[in-house]
Amino acid sequence: MFKRLSLFLVLCLVHPATSFAAEAAPSKPAAELRASGDLIPYAPPKSLLEAYFIADEAQPVSVWGPVSAYVQSRSCSTAWLIEKGEQARVERLSAVKDAPPFEFSVTLEEDCPGRVTHAVFVVAPGATPEAWFKWRRQFHGSKAQGYYAEAEAGLMRAEAAHRLPTAELRFLLVNGELSVDGPEQALAAEGRLKPVFGLKAK
């Protein structure tokens, strides 16, 4: 018994991947969801983990974050994932010299007994309210000014307060199904993470 334990300790020192610090294997439901979504493990950049984020695409109420604080607020094991096709696109665009800003999405998996939640984050293409607004304008045309005016004004105040979001929690999937509550409502309801800045004018 003592020899077996000694051998195990030696293996852990020689091969750290075999130690307890290694990432836990996903549960069967989580593994099935990964397979169906073509999701693979992903190491997020430091810029994403340090980013503040909004949780409503159109009319966000608050700035949350940073993303690393959201991860730490989870009660079950987590893992970062990305779609294989998305990873290939990111690698292709990143290799282009002087490439224009682009967005991409990554998924934080929270693997709880009987409940697997996928929080899908979108990395914003710009780091200023102007860039954020310009990017959305291409999708919403002339309606963008009226639709996003309040959000843009709030983001400009957030920038002045050094709480500018450069990421977005776009949606939540629970056991593969879109959550009934929007991300912002879900964050407020669970109360684990407090907003760092209010975007609505007082």
N, C-alpha and C. Protein backbone atom coordinates (compact mmCIF):
# COMPACT_ATOMS: atom_id res chain seq x y z
N MET A 1 0.84 -1.20 0.00
CA MET A 1 0.00 0.00 0.00
C MET A 1 0.87 1.25 0.00
N PHE A 2 1.92 1.25 0.87
CA PHE A 2 2.81 2.40 0.96
C PHE A 2 3.55 2.60 -0.35
N LYS A 3 3.97 1.49 -0.98
CA LYS A 3 4.69 1.58 -2.26
C LYS A 3 3.79 2.18 -3.33
N ARG A 4 2.51 1.77 -3.34
CA ARG A 4 1.57 2.30 -4.33
C ARG A 4 1.40 3.80 -4.16
N LEU A 5 1.27 4.24 -2.90
CA LEU A 5 1.10 5.66 -2.62
C LEU A 5 2.33 6.45 -3.04
N SER A 6 3.51 5.90 -2.76
CA SER A 6 4.75 6.57 -3.14
C SER A 6 4.85 6.71 -4.65
N LEU A 7 4.49 5.65 -5.36
CA LEU A 7 4.54 5.67 -6.81
C LEU A 7 3.58 6.72 -7.37
N PHE A 8 2.40 6.81 -6.75
CA PHE A 8 1.42 7.79 -7.20
C PHE A 8 1.95 9.21 -7.02
N LEU A 9 2.59 9.48 -5.87
CA LEU A 9 3.13 10.81 -5.61
C LEU A 9 4.23 11.16 -6.59
N VAL A 10 5.07 10.20 -6.93
CA VAL A 10 6.14 10.42 -7.91
C VAL A 10 5.55 10.76 -9.27
N LEU A 11 4.51 10.02 -9.68
CA LEU A 11 3.87 10.28 -10.96
C LEU A 11 3.26 11.67 -11.01
N CYS A 12 2.69 12.10 -9.89
CA CYS A 12 2.09 13.44 -9.86
C CYS A 12 3.14 14.52 -10.02
N LEU A 13 4.35 14.28 -9.46
CA LEU A 13 5.41 15.26 -9.59
C LEU A 13 6.00 15.28 -10.99
N VAL A 14 6.13 14.10 -11.58
CA VAL A 14 6.71 14.00 -12.92
C VAL A 14 5.71 14.41 -13.98
N HIS A 15 4.43 14.06 -13.77
CA HIS A 15 3.37 14.36 -14.72
C HIS A 15 2.28 15.15 -14.02
N PRO A 16 2.43 16.48 -13.93
CA PRO A 16 1.44 17.30 -13.21
C PRO A 16 0.02 17.11 -13.71
N ALA A 17 -0.15 16.73 -14.96
CA ALA A 17 -1.50 16.58 -15.50
C ALA A 17 -2.28 15.50 -14.78
N THR A 18 -1.56 14.60 -14.09
CA THR A 18 -2.24 13.52 -13.38
C THR A 18 -2.61 13.92 -11.96
N SER A 19 -2.21 15.13 -11.55
CA SER A 19 -2.49 15.56 -10.18
C SER A 19 -3.93 16.03 -10.06
N PHE A 20 -4.29 16.38 -8.82
CA PHE A 20 -5.66 16.81 -8.56
C PHE A 20 -5.97 18.16 -9.18
N ALA A 21 -4.93 18.90 -9.60
CA ALA A 21 -5.14 20.21 -10.21
C ALA A 21 -5.66 20.09 -11.63
N ALA A 22 -5.62 18.89 -12.15
CA ALA A 22 -6.08 18.69 -13.53
C ALA A 22 -7.57 18.98 -13.62
N GLU A 23 -7.98 19.46 -14.80
CA GLU A 23 -9.38 19.79 -15.00
C GLU A 23 -10.23 18.53 -14.91
N ALA A 24 -11.33 18.64 -14.19
CA ALA A 24 -12.21 17.50 -14.02
C ALA A 24 -12.86 17.14 -15.35
N ALA A 25 -13.05 15.86 -15.57
CA ALA A 25 -13.71 15.41 -16.80
C ALA A 25 -15.17 15.85 -16.75
N PRO A 26 -15.73 16.21 -17.89
CA PRO A 26 -17.14 16.64 -17.89
C PRO A 26 -18.07 15.49 -17.57
N SER A 27 -19.22 15.81 -17.02
CA SER A 27 -20.23 14.79 -16.77
C SER A 27 -20.73 14.28 -18.11
N LYS A 28 -21.49 13.18 -18.08
CA LYS A 28 -22.01 12.63 -19.32
C LYS A 28 -22.91 13.63 -20.05
N PRO A 29 -23.86 14.31 -19.35
CA PRO A 29 -24.69 15.30 -20.05
C PRO A 29 -23.85 16.43 -20.65
N ALA A 30 -22.83 16.89 -19.91
CA ALA A 30 -21.97 17.96 -20.43
C ALA A 30 -21.20 17.49 -21.65
N ALA A 31 -20.69 16.27 -21.60
CA ALA A 31 -19.95 15.73 -22.74
C ALA A 31 -20.84 15.60 -23.97
N GLU A 32 -22.08 15.22 -23.75
CA GLU A 32 -23.02 15.09 -24.87
C GLU A 32 -23.34 16.46 -25.49
N LEU A 33 -23.48 17.47 -24.62
CA LEU A 33 -23.75 18.81 -25.12
C LEU A 33 -22.55 19.37 -25.88
N ARG A 34 -21.36 19.05 -25.40
CA ARG A 34 -20.16 19.49 -26.11
C ARG A 34 -20.11 18.86 -27.50
N ALA A 35 -20.42 17.58 -27.56
CA ALA A 35 -20.37 16.88 -28.85
C ALA A 35 -21.42 17.43 -29.82
N SER A 36 -22.62 17.66 -29.31
CA SER A 36 -23.69 18.13 -30.19
C SER A 36 -23.44 19.56 -30.67
N GLY A 37 -22.73 20.36 -29.85
CA GLY A 37 -22.44 21.73 -30.24
C GLY A 37 -21.09 21.91 -30.88
N ASP A 38 -20.36 20.79 -31.08
CA ASP A 38 -19.03 20.84 -31.69
C ASP A 38 -18.10 21.74 -30.87
N LEU A 39 -18.22 21.65 -29.55
CA LEU A 39 -17.44 22.48 -28.65
C LEU A 39 -16.18 21.77 -28.16
N ILE A 40 -15.10 22.52 -28.09
CA ILE A 40 -13.82 21.97 -27.64
C ILE A 40 -13.24 22.89 -26.56
N PRO A 41 -12.33 22.38 -25.73
CA PRO A 41 -11.72 23.22 -24.69
C PRO A 41 -11.01 24.43 -25.29
N TYR A 42 -11.02 25.52 -24.52
CA TYR A 42 -10.45 26.78 -25.02
C TYR A 42 -9.78 27.52 -23.87
N ALA A 43 -8.65 28.12 -24.15
CA ALA A 43 -7.96 28.95 -23.16
C ALA A 43 -8.22 30.41 -23.50
N PRO A 44 -9.10 31.07 -22.76
CA PRO A 44 -9.46 32.46 -23.09
C PRO A 44 -8.30 33.41 -22.87
N PRO A 45 -8.19 34.45 -23.68
CA PRO A 45 -7.10 35.42 -23.48
C PRO A 45 -7.32 36.21 -22.21
N LYS A 46 -6.26 36.73 -21.67
CA LYS A 46 -6.31 37.52 -20.45
C LYS A 46 -7.25 38.71 -20.62
N SER A 47 -7.27 39.28 -21.82
CA SER A 47 -8.12 40.44 -22.08
C SER A 47 -9.59 40.13 -21.87
N LEU A 48 -10.01 38.89 -22.17
CA LEU A 48 -11.41 38.51 -21.94
C LEU A 48 -11.67 38.33 -20.46
N LEU A 49 -10.79 37.67 -19.76
CA LEU A 49 -10.99 37.43 -18.34
C LEU A 49 -11.02 38.73 -17.54
N GLU A 50 -10.30 39.73 -18.01
CA GLU A 50 -10.25 41.01 -17.30
C GLU A 50 -11.34 41.98 -17.77
N ALA A 51 -12.10 41.59 -18.79
CA ALA A 51 -13.07 42.50 -19.40
C ALA A 51 -14.32 42.66 -18.54
N TYR A 52 -14.84 43.89 -18.50
CA TYR A 52 -16.18 44.12 -18.00
C TYR A 52 -17.14 43.74 -19.13
N PHE A 53 -18.39 43.46 -18.78
CA PHE A 53 -19.32 43.02 -19.82
C PHE A 53 -20.73 43.53 -19.55
N ILE A 54 -21.51 43.61 -20.63
CA ILE A 54 -22.93 43.88 -20.52
C ILE A 54 -23.66 42.56 -20.69
N ALA A 55 -24.92 42.51 -20.31
CA ALA A 55 -25.68 41.26 -20.39
C ALA A 55 -27.01 41.45 -21.10
N ASP A 56 -27.07 42.49 -21.92
CA ASP A 56 -28.24 42.73 -22.76
C ASP A 56 -27.74 43.44 -24.01
N GLU A 57 -28.01 42.86 -25.16
CA GLU A 57 -27.45 43.39 -26.40
C GLU A 57 -28.01 44.75 -26.76
N ALA A 58 -29.31 44.95 -26.56
CA ALA A 58 -29.96 46.16 -27.04
C ALA A 58 -29.96 47.30 -26.03
N GLN A 59 -30.48 47.03 -24.85
CA GLN A 59 -30.63 48.09 -23.86
C GLN A 59 -30.14 47.63 -22.49
N PRO A 60 -28.84 47.51 -22.35
CA PRO A 60 -28.27 47.03 -21.08
C PRO A 60 -28.54 48.00 -19.94
N VAL A 61 -28.74 47.44 -18.76
CA VAL A 61 -29.01 48.25 -17.57
C VAL A 61 -27.73 48.49 -16.79
N SER A 62 -26.83 47.50 -16.78
CA SER A 62 -25.64 47.57 -15.94
C SER A 62 -24.41 47.06 -16.67
N VAL A 63 -23.27 47.42 -16.10
CA VAL A 63 -21.99 46.82 -16.49
C VAL A 63 -21.63 45.83 -15.39
N TRP A 64 -21.21 44.64 -15.78
CA TRP A 64 -20.87 43.59 -14.84
C TRP A 64 -19.40 43.22 -15.02
N GLY A 65 -18.89 42.45 -14.05
CA GLY A 65 -17.56 41.92 -14.27
C GLY A 65 -16.58 42.16 -13.14
N PRO A 66 -15.32 41.89 -13.50
CA PRO A 66 -14.88 41.38 -14.80
C PRO A 66 -15.34 39.94 -15.03
N VAL A 67 -15.06 39.44 -16.22
CA VAL A 67 -15.49 38.08 -16.57
C VAL A 67 -14.95 37.07 -15.58
N SER A 68 -13.72 37.27 -15.12
CA SER A 68 -13.13 36.33 -14.15
C SER A 68 -13.95 36.27 -12.87
N ALA A 69 -14.56 37.40 -12.48
CA ALA A 69 -15.40 37.41 -11.28
C ALA A 69 -16.66 36.60 -11.51
N TYR A 70 -17.19 36.66 -12.73
CA TYR A 70 -18.36 35.84 -13.05
C TYR A 70 -18.01 34.36 -12.94
N VAL A 71 -16.85 33.98 -13.44
CA VAL A 71 -16.42 32.58 -13.37
C VAL A 71 -16.31 32.14 -11.91
N GLN A 72 -15.71 32.98 -11.09
CA GLN A 72 -15.53 32.64 -9.69
C GLN A 72 -16.85 32.57 -8.92
N SER A 73 -17.88 33.21 -9.44
CA SER A 73 -19.18 33.21 -8.76
C SER A 73 -19.98 31.93 -9.04
N ARG A 74 -19.49 31.08 -9.91
CA ARG A 74 -20.21 29.84 -10.22
C ARG A 74 -20.04 28.85 -9.08
N SER A 75 -21.05 28.04 -8.85
CA SER A 75 -21.03 27.11 -7.72
C SER A 75 -20.53 25.71 -8.09
N CYS A 76 -20.44 25.41 -9.39
CA CYS A 76 -19.99 24.09 -9.84
C CYS A 76 -18.75 24.24 -10.74
N SER A 77 -18.19 23.12 -11.14
CA SER A 77 -16.99 23.16 -11.96
C SER A 77 -17.27 23.83 -13.30
N THR A 78 -16.28 24.58 -13.77
CA THR A 78 -16.44 25.33 -15.01
C THR A 78 -15.34 24.96 -16.00
N ALA A 79 -15.62 25.24 -17.27
CA ALA A 79 -14.64 25.01 -18.33
C ALA A 79 -14.95 25.95 -19.49
N TRP A 80 -13.92 26.53 -20.08
CA TRP A 80 -14.10 27.36 -21.25
C TRP A 80 -14.09 26.51 -22.51
N LEU A 81 -15.02 26.81 -23.41
CA LEU A 81 -15.17 26.05 -24.64
C LEU A 81 -15.32 27.00 -25.81
N ILE A 82 -15.07 26.49 -27.02
CA ILE A 82 -15.30 27.25 -28.24
C ILE A 82 -15.69 26.28 -29.34
N GLU A 83 -16.53 26.72 -30.25
CA GLU A 83 -16.89 25.87 -31.39
C GLU A 83 -15.67 25.69 -32.28
N LYS A 84 -15.50 24.50 -32.82
CA LYS A 84 -14.35 24.22 -33.68
C LYS A 84 -14.28 25.20 -34.85
N GLY A 85 -15.44 25.44 -35.48
CA GLY A 85 -15.47 26.36 -36.61
C GLY A 85 -15.12 27.78 -36.20
N GLU A 86 -15.55 28.18 -35.01
CA GLU A 86 -15.24 29.53 -34.51
C GLU A 86 -13.75 29.67 -34.23
N GLN A 87 -13.17 28.63 -33.66
CA GLN A 87 -11.74 28.66 -33.40
C GLN A 87 -10.95 28.80 -34.69
N ALA A 88 -11.36 28.05 -35.71
CA ALA A 88 -10.67 28.13 -37.00
C ALA A 88 -10.81 29.53 -37.59
N ARG A 89 -11.98 30.14 -37.43
CA ARG A 89 -12.19 31.50 -37.96
C ARG A 89 -11.32 32.50 -37.22
N VAL A 90 -11.24 32.38 -35.89
CA VAL A 90 -10.41 33.28 -35.10
C VAL A 90 -8.94 33.16 -35.52
N GLU A 91 -8.47 31.95 -35.69
CA GLU A 91 -7.09 31.74 -36.09
C GLU A 91 -6.82 32.32 -37.47
N ARG A 92 -7.80 32.16 -38.38
CA ARG A 92 -7.62 32.68 -39.73
C ARG A 92 -7.59 34.20 -39.74
N LEU A 93 -8.51 34.84 -39.03
CA LEU A 93 -8.56 36.30 -39.00
C LEU A 93 -7.38 36.89 -38.24
N SER A 94 -6.94 36.21 -37.19
CA SER A 94 -5.82 36.70 -36.40
C SER A 94 -4.52 36.68 -37.19
N ALA A 95 -4.45 35.81 -38.18
CA ALA A 95 -3.23 35.69 -38.99
C ALA A 95 -3.13 36.77 -40.06
N VAL A 96 -4.22 37.50 -40.30
CA VAL A 96 -4.23 38.54 -41.32
C VAL A 96 -3.58 39.81 -40.78
N LYS A 97 -2.61 40.32 -41.48
CA LYS A 97 -1.91 41.53 -41.06
C LYS A 97 -2.85 42.73 -41.17
N ASP A 98 -2.87 43.56 -40.11
CA ASP A 98 -3.73 44.74 -40.06
C ASP A 98 -5.20 44.40 -40.27
N ALA A 99 -5.60 43.24 -39.76
CA ALA A 99 -7.00 42.83 -39.90
C ALA A 99 -7.90 43.77 -39.12
N PRO A 100 -9.07 44.10 -39.63
CA PRO A 100 -10.00 44.95 -38.89
C PRO A 100 -10.52 44.20 -37.67
N PRO A 101 -11.02 44.91 -36.68
CA PRO A 101 -11.56 44.24 -35.49
C PRO A 101 -12.67 43.26 -35.87
N PHE A 102 -12.77 42.20 -35.13
CA PHE A 102 -13.82 41.22 -35.38
C PHE A 102 -14.28 40.66 -34.04
N GLU A 103 -15.50 40.16 -34.01
CA GLU A 103 -16.03 39.57 -32.80
C GLU A 103 -15.96 38.05 -32.88
N PHE A 104 -15.94 37.42 -31.72
CA PHE A 104 -16.06 35.96 -31.69
C PHE A 104 -16.69 35.57 -30.37
N SER A 105 -17.24 34.38 -30.33
CA SER A 105 -17.95 33.93 -29.13
C SER A 105 -17.26 32.73 -28.50
N VAL A 106 -17.31 32.70 -27.19
CA VAL A 106 -16.77 31.58 -26.41
C VAL A 106 -17.82 31.20 -25.37
N THR A 107 -17.71 30.01 -24.85
CA THR A 107 -18.72 29.48 -23.93
C THR A 107 -18.09 29.08 -22.61
N LEU A 108 -18.70 29.54 -21.52
CA LEU A 108 -18.30 29.07 -20.20
C LEU A 108 -19.30 28.01 -19.78
N GLU A 109 -18.81 26.81 -19.58
CA GLU A 109 -19.66 25.69 -19.16
C GLU A 109 -19.62 25.57 -17.64
N GLU A 110 -20.82 25.51 -17.02
CA GLU A 110 -20.94 25.23 -15.60
C GLU A 110 -21.63 23.88 -15.46
N ASP A 111 -20.90 22.92 -14.96
CA ASP A 111 -21.36 21.53 -14.94
C ASP A 111 -21.83 21.15 -13.54
N CYS A 112 -23.13 21.25 -13.31
CA CYS A 112 -23.73 20.90 -12.02
C CYS A 112 -24.51 19.58 -12.16
N PRO A 113 -24.72 18.86 -11.07
CA PRO A 113 -25.52 17.64 -11.14
C PRO A 113 -26.93 17.95 -11.66
N GLY A 114 -27.31 17.36 -12.77
CA GLY A 114 -28.63 17.54 -13.35
C GLY A 114 -28.83 18.85 -14.08
N ARG A 115 -27.80 19.69 -14.14
CA ARG A 115 -27.95 21.01 -14.78
C ARG A 115 -26.62 21.46 -15.37
N VAL A 116 -26.59 21.59 -16.68
CA VAL A 116 -25.40 22.09 -17.37
C VAL A 116 -25.76 23.42 -18.01
N THR A 117 -25.07 24.47 -17.58
CA THR A 117 -25.34 25.81 -18.10
C THR A 117 -24.20 26.26 -19.00
N HIS A 118 -24.55 26.75 -20.16
CA HIS A 118 -23.58 27.34 -21.08
C HIS A 118 -23.83 28.84 -21.15
N ALA A 119 -22.87 29.61 -20.67
CA ALA A 119 -22.94 31.08 -20.76
C ALA A 119 -22.10 31.49 -21.96
N VAL A 120 -22.74 32.05 -22.97
CA VAL A 120 -22.05 32.39 -24.21
C VAL A 120 -21.65 33.87 -24.17
N PHE A 121 -20.35 34.11 -24.20
CA PHE A 121 -19.81 35.46 -24.20
C PHE A 121 -19.37 35.84 -25.60
N VAL A 122 -19.62 37.09 -25.96
CA VAL A 122 -19.16 37.64 -27.22
C VAL A 122 -18.12 38.70 -26.91
N VAL A 123 -16.96 38.56 -27.51
CA VAL A 123 -15.91 39.55 -27.34
C VAL A 123 -16.19 40.69 -28.31
N ALA A 124 -16.38 41.90 -27.78
CA ALA A 124 -16.73 43.05 -28.61
C ALA A 124 -15.56 43.44 -29.50
N PRO A 125 -15.85 43.97 -30.68
CA PRO A 125 -14.79 44.31 -31.63
C PRO A 125 -14.07 45.61 -31.32
N GLY A 126 -14.58 46.40 -30.41
CA GLY A 126 -13.93 47.68 -30.10
C GLY A 126 -13.89 47.94 -28.62
N ALA A 127 -13.07 48.90 -28.20
CA ALA A 127 -12.92 49.19 -26.78
C ALA A 127 -13.42 50.58 -26.42
N THR A 128 -14.25 51.17 -27.28
CA THR A 128 -14.82 52.48 -26.98
C THR A 128 -16.32 52.43 -27.26
N PRO A 129 -17.11 53.29 -26.62
CA PRO A 129 -18.55 53.33 -26.92
C PRO A 129 -18.81 53.61 -28.40
N GLU A 130 -17.96 54.46 -29.00
CA GLU A 130 -18.15 54.80 -30.41
C GLU A 130 -18.01 53.56 -31.29
N ALA A 131 -16.99 52.75 -31.01
CA ALA A 131 -16.78 51.53 -31.79
C ALA A 131 -17.92 50.54 -31.56
N TRP A 132 -18.35 50.45 -30.29
CA TRP A 132 -19.47 49.55 -29.95
C TRP A 132 -20.72 49.94 -30.74
N PHE A 133 -20.99 51.25 -30.79
CA PHE A 133 -22.17 51.75 -31.49
C PHE A 133 -22.03 51.58 -33.00
N LYS A 134 -20.85 51.88 -33.53
CA LYS A 134 -20.61 51.76 -34.97
C LYS A 134 -20.80 50.32 -35.42
N TRP A 135 -20.34 49.38 -34.61
CA TRP A 135 -20.46 47.97 -34.96
C TRP A 135 -21.92 47.55 -35.03
N ARG A 136 -22.74 48.03 -34.09
CA ARG A 136 -24.16 47.68 -34.09
C ARG A 136 -24.93 48.38 -35.20
N ARG A 137 -24.46 49.56 -35.59
CA ARG A 137 -25.14 50.31 -36.64
C ARG A 137 -25.21 49.52 -37.95
N GLN A 138 -24.18 48.73 -38.25
CA GLN A 138 -24.17 47.98 -39.50
C GLN A 138 -25.27 46.93 -39.56
N PHE A 139 -25.79 46.54 -38.39
CA PHE A 139 -26.86 45.55 -38.34
C PHE A 139 -28.25 46.19 -38.26
N HIS A 140 -28.30 47.40 -37.73
CA HIS A 140 -29.60 48.01 -37.47
C HIS A 140 -29.89 49.26 -38.31
N GLY A 141 -28.94 49.69 -39.12
CA GLY A 141 -29.16 50.79 -40.04
C GLY A 141 -29.59 52.07 -39.35
N SER A 142 -30.52 52.79 -39.95
CA SER A 142 -30.93 54.10 -39.45
C SER A 142 -31.68 54.01 -38.12
N LYS A 143 -32.14 52.81 -37.75
CA LYS A 143 -32.87 52.67 -36.49
C LYS A 143 -31.92 52.66 -35.29
N ALA A 144 -30.64 52.49 -35.55
CA ALA A 144 -29.69 52.32 -34.47
C ALA A 144 -29.63 53.52 -33.54
N GLN A 145 -29.63 54.74 -34.09
CA GLN A 145 -29.48 55.92 -33.26
C GLN A 145 -30.56 56.00 -32.19
N GLY A 146 -31.81 55.84 -32.60
CA GLY A 146 -32.88 55.90 -31.63
C GLY A 146 -32.92 54.71 -30.71
N TYR A 147 -32.55 53.56 -31.24
CA TYR A 147 -32.65 52.32 -30.48
C TYR A 147 -31.55 52.22 -29.42
N TYR A 148 -30.35 52.68 -29.77
CA TYR A 148 -29.21 52.51 -28.89
C TYR A 148 -28.71 53.80 -28.24
N ALA A 149 -29.44 54.91 -28.45
CA ALA A 149 -28.96 56.20 -27.95
C ALA A 149 -28.71 56.17 -26.45
N GLU A 150 -29.65 55.63 -25.67
CA GLU A 150 -29.50 55.60 -24.22
C GLU A 150 -28.33 54.70 -23.81
N ALA A 151 -28.21 53.56 -24.50
CA ALA A 151 -27.12 52.65 -24.18
C ALA A 151 -25.77 53.30 -24.49
N GLU A 152 -25.69 53.99 -25.61
CA GLU A 152 -24.43 54.65 -25.97
C GLU A 152 -24.07 55.71 -24.94
N ALA A 153 -25.05 56.51 -24.50
CA ALA A 153 -24.79 57.53 -23.50
C ALA A 153 -24.31 56.90 -22.19
N GLY A 154 -24.92 55.78 -21.81
CA GLY A 154 -24.50 55.08 -20.60
C GLY A 154 -23.09 54.54 -20.71
N LEU A 155 -22.74 54.03 -21.89
CA LEU A 155 -21.40 53.50 -22.10
C LEU A 155 -20.35 54.60 -22.05
N MET A 156 -20.70 55.78 -22.53
CA MET A 156 -19.77 56.89 -22.46
C MET A 156 -19.52 57.30 -21.01
N ARG A 157 -20.56 57.22 -20.17
CA ARG A 157 -20.36 57.49 -18.74
C ARG A 157 -19.52 56.38 -18.11
N ALA A 158 -19.73 55.13 -18.55
CA ALA A 158 -18.95 54.02 -18.03
C ALA A 158 -17.48 54.18 -18.41
N GLU A 159 -17.23 54.66 -19.62
CA GLU A 159 -15.84 54.88 -20.05
C GLU A 159 -15.17 55.90 -19.15
N ALA A 160 -15.88 56.98 -18.85
CA ALA A 160 -15.32 58.01 -17.98
C ALA A 160 -15.03 57.48 -16.58
N ALA A 161 -15.81 56.48 -16.16
CA ALA A 161 -15.63 55.87 -14.83
C ALA A 161 -14.69 54.67 -14.87
N HIS A 162 -14.05 54.44 -16.03
CA HIS A 162 -13.13 53.30 -16.21
C HIS A 162 -13.83 51.96 -15.99
N ARG A 163 -15.06 51.88 -16.44
CA ARG A 163 -15.83 50.64 -16.34
C ARG A 163 -16.41 50.26 -17.71
N LEU A 164 -15.67 50.57 -18.73
CA LEU A 164 -16.14 50.33 -20.10
C LEU A 164 -16.19 48.83 -20.40
N PRO A 165 -17.35 48.29 -20.80
CA PRO A 165 -17.42 46.86 -21.15
C PRO A 165 -16.86 46.62 -22.55
N THR A 166 -16.10 45.56 -22.67
CA THR A 166 -15.58 45.17 -23.99
C THR A 166 -15.96 43.72 -24.31
N ALA A 167 -16.95 43.22 -23.59
CA ALA A 167 -17.49 41.88 -23.85
C ALA A 167 -18.97 41.90 -23.53
N GLU A 168 -19.64 40.85 -23.94
CA GLU A 168 -21.09 40.77 -23.71
C GLU A 168 -21.49 39.33 -23.39
N LEU A 169 -22.27 39.16 -22.35
CA LEU A 169 -22.88 37.85 -22.07
C LEU A 169 -24.14 37.80 -22.92
N ARG A 170 -24.06 37.10 -24.06
CA ARG A 170 -25.12 37.19 -25.06
C ARG A 170 -26.34 36.36 -24.67
N PHE A 171 -26.14 35.11 -24.25
CA PHE A 171 -27.29 34.30 -23.82
C PHE A 171 -26.85 33.13 -22.97
N LEU A 172 -27.81 32.51 -22.31
CA LEU A 172 -27.59 31.36 -21.44
C LEU A 172 -28.36 30.17 -21.96
N LEU A 173 -27.72 29.02 -21.96
CA LEU A 173 -28.37 27.77 -22.32
C LEU A 173 -28.33 26.85 -21.11
N VAL A 174 -29.48 26.29 -20.75
CA VAL A 174 -29.55 25.37 -19.63
C VAL A 174 -29.96 24.00 -20.17
N ASN A 175 -29.07 23.03 -20.01
CA ASN A 175 -29.28 21.68 -20.55
C ASN A 175 -29.62 21.73 -22.05
N GLY A 176 -28.97 22.65 -22.73
CA GLY A 176 -29.14 22.75 -24.18
C GLY A 176 -30.29 23.61 -24.64
N GLU A 177 -31.09 24.12 -23.71
CA GLU A 177 -32.25 24.94 -24.06
C GLU A 177 -31.99 26.40 -23.66
N LEU A 178 -32.44 27.32 -24.51
CA LEU A 178 -32.28 28.74 -24.22
C LEU A 178 -33.02 29.10 -22.94
N SER A 179 -32.34 29.78 -22.03
CA SER A 179 -32.95 30.17 -20.77
C SER A 179 -34.11 31.13 -21.00
N VAL A 180 -35.18 30.93 -20.24
CA VAL A 180 -36.35 31.80 -20.36
C VAL A 180 -35.98 33.23 -19.97
N ASP A 181 -35.21 33.38 -18.90
CA ASP A 181 -34.77 34.70 -18.46
C ASP A 181 -33.56 35.14 -19.29
N GLY A 182 -33.52 36.41 -19.63
CA GLY A 182 -32.36 36.96 -20.30
C GLY A 182 -31.18 36.96 -19.35
N PRO A 183 -29.95 37.08 -19.87
CA PRO A 183 -28.77 37.06 -19.01
C PRO A 183 -28.80 38.11 -17.90
N GLU A 184 -29.24 39.33 -18.24
CA GLU A 184 -29.24 40.38 -17.22
C GLU A 184 -30.24 40.05 -16.11
N GLN A 185 -31.40 39.55 -16.48
CA GLN A 185 -32.39 39.17 -15.48
C GLN A 185 -31.88 38.01 -14.62
N ALA A 186 -31.20 37.08 -15.26
CA ALA A 186 -30.67 35.92 -14.53
C ALA A 186 -29.59 36.35 -13.54
N LEU A 187 -28.71 37.26 -13.95
CA LEU A 187 -27.67 37.74 -13.05
C LEU A 187 -28.28 38.45 -11.85
N ALA A 188 -29.27 39.30 -12.11
CA ALA A 188 -29.91 40.04 -11.02
C ALA A 188 -30.65 39.09 -10.07
N ALA A 189 -31.29 38.07 -10.63
CA ALA A 189 -32.09 37.15 -9.81
C ALA A 189 -31.22 36.29 -8.91
N GLU A 190 -30.09 35.81 -9.43
CA GLU A 190 -29.27 34.92 -8.60
C GLU A 190 -28.46 35.70 -7.57
N GLY A 191 -28.14 36.96 -7.84
CA GLY A 191 -27.50 37.81 -6.85
C GLY A 191 -26.08 37.45 -6.46
N ARG A 192 -25.42 36.62 -7.23
CA ARG A 192 -24.05 36.22 -6.89
C ARG A 192 -23.03 37.28 -7.28
N LEU A 193 -23.33 38.00 -8.34
CA LEU A 193 -22.41 39.01 -8.86
C LEU A 193 -23.12 40.36 -8.87
N LYS A 194 -22.48 41.35 -8.32
CA LYS A 194 -23.07 42.69 -8.27
C LYS A 194 -22.58 43.51 -9.46
N PRO A 195 -23.46 44.34 -10.04
CA PRO A 195 -23.02 45.19 -11.14
C PRO A 195 -21.98 46.20 -10.66
N VAL A 196 -21.09 46.59 -11.57
CA VAL A 196 -20.04 47.54 -11.21
C VAL A 196 -20.36 48.95 -11.68
N PHE A 197 -21.38 49.09 -12.53
CA PHE A 197 -21.76 50.41 -13.02
C PHE A 197 -23.16 50.37 -13.58
N GLY A 198 -23.96 51.42 -13.28
CA GLY A 198 -25.30 51.52 -13.82
C GLY A 198 -25.31 52.36 -15.09
N LEU A 199 -25.96 51.85 -16.13
CA LEU A 199 -25.97 52.53 -17.42
C LEU A 199 -27.18 53.43 -17.63
N LYS A 200 -28.20 53.30 -16.81
CA LYS A 200 -29.39 54.13 -16.95
C LYS A 200 -29.18 55.48 -16.28
N ALA A 201 -29.61 56.52 -16.99
CA ALA A 201 -29.47 57.86 -16.43
C ALA A 201 -30.37 58.01 -15.21
N LYS A 202 -29.88 58.64 -14.18
CA LYS A 202 -30.66 58.81 -12.94
C LYS A 202 -31.39 60.15 -12.96
